[in-house]
């Protein structure tokens, strides 16, 4: 949890003692990802046929 919140320390100002991560995505990116999941099996099958 500490690293997923960008490793922000419990301080009065915005301070970091370690490198953290930011894996949040916007609503638009999430919507595009959901749309791509609907055709994922078709795309995997097409790639397997090509190879």
C-alpha atoms as a PDB file:
ATOM      1  CA  UNK A   1       0.000   0.000   0.000  1.00  0.00           C
ATOM      2  CA  UNK A   2       2.861   2.358   0.807  1.00  0.00           C
ATOM      3  CA  UNK A   3       4.440   1.967  -2.652  1.00  0.00           C
ATOM      4  CA  UNK A   4       1.103   2.119  -4.484  1.00  0.00           C
ATOM      5  CA  UNK A   5       0.388   5.553  -2.990  1.00  0.00           C
ATOM      6  CA  UNK A   6       3.589   6.846  -4.603  1.00  0.00           C
ATOM      7  CA  UNK A   7       5.536   6.188  -1.364  1.00  0.00           C
ATOM      8  CA  UNK A   8       4.304   9.416   0.164  1.00  0.00           C
ATOM      9  CA  UNK A   9       5.501   9.910   3.712  1.00  0.00           C
ATOM     10  CA  UNK A  10       3.182  10.949   6.511  1.00  0.00           C
ATOM     11  CA  UNK A  11       4.328  14.569   6.579  1.00  0.00           C
ATOM     12  CA  UNK A  12       2.677  17.973   6.480  1.00  0.00           C
ATOM     13  CA  UNK A  13       4.105  18.618   3.025  1.00  0.00           C
ATOM     14  CA  UNK A  14       4.379  16.379  -0.048  1.00  0.00           C
ATOM     15  CA  UNK A  15       7.490  14.315   0.789  1.00  0.00           C
ATOM     16  CA  UNK A  16       8.772  10.957  -0.497  1.00  0.00           C
ATOM     17  CA  UNK A  17      11.554   8.866   1.009  1.00  0.00           C
ATOM     18  CA  UNK A  18      11.279   6.038  -1.576  1.00  0.00           C
ATOM     19  CA  UNK A  19      10.311   5.731  -5.224  1.00  0.00           C
ATOM     20  CA  UNK A  20       6.626   4.824  -5.455  1.00  0.00           C
ATOM     21  CA  UNK A  21       4.243   3.857  -8.235  1.00  0.00           C
ATOM     22  CA  UNK A  22       1.144   5.362  -9.807  1.00  0.00           C
ATOM     23  CA  UNK A  23      -0.965   2.675 -11.498  1.00  0.00           C
ATOM     24  CA  UNK A  24      -4.172   4.686 -11.657  1.00  0.00           C
ATOM     25  CA  UNK A  25      -5.808   5.126 -15.039  1.00  0.00           C
ATOM     26  CA  UNK A  26      -8.284   7.621 -16.388  1.00  0.00           C
ATOM     27  CA  UNK A  27     -11.894   6.730 -17.135  1.00  0.00           C
ATOM     28  CA  UNK A  28     -11.193   6.998 -20.867  1.00  0.00           C
ATOM     29  CA  UNK A  29      -8.297   4.532 -20.744  1.00  0.00           C
ATOM     30  CA  UNK A  30     -10.397   2.150 -18.639  1.00  0.00           C
ATOM     31  CA  UNK A  31     -13.224   2.325 -21.187  1.00  0.00           C
ATOM     32  CA  UNK A  32     -10.866   1.606 -24.071  1.00  0.00           C
ATOM     33  CA  UNK A  33      -9.435  -1.365 -22.166  1.00  0.00           C
ATOM     34  CA  UNK A  34     -12.898  -2.778 -21.514  1.00  0.00           C
ATOM     35  CA  UNK A  35     -13.738  -2.470 -25.197  1.00  0.00           C
ATOM     36  CA  UNK A  36     -10.540  -4.266 -26.185  1.00  0.00           C
ATOM     37  CA  UNK A  37     -11.265  -7.118 -23.773  1.00  0.00           C
ATOM     38  CA  UNK A  38     -14.413  -7.931 -25.783  1.00  0.00           C
ATOM     39  CA  UNK A  39     -12.377  -8.692 -28.927  1.00  0.00           C
ATOM     40  CA  UNK A  40      -9.282 -10.127 -27.227  1.00  0.00           C
ATOM     41  CA  UNK A  41     -10.036 -13.776 -28.015  1.00  0.00           C
ATOM     42  CA  UNK A  42     -10.630 -12.963 -31.699  1.00  0.00           C
ATOM     43  CA  UNK A  43      -7.334 -11.105 -31.963  1.00  0.00           C
ATOM     44  CA  UNK A  44      -5.388 -13.866 -30.215  1.00  0.00           C
ATOM     45  CA  UNK A  45      -6.914 -16.442 -32.559  1.00  0.00           C
ATOM     46  CA  UNK A  46      -6.023 -14.328 -35.619  1.00  0.00           C
ATOM     47  CA  UNK A  47      -2.409 -13.985 -34.473  1.00  0.00           C
ATOM     48  CA  UNK A  48      -2.151 -17.737 -33.876  1.00  0.00           C
ATOM     49  CA  UNK A  49      -3.410 -18.393 -37.406  1.00  0.00           C
ATOM     50  CA  UNK A  50      -0.774 -16.003 -38.835  1.00  0.00           C
ATOM     51  CA  UNK A  51       2.032 -17.793 -37.041  1.00  0.00           C
END
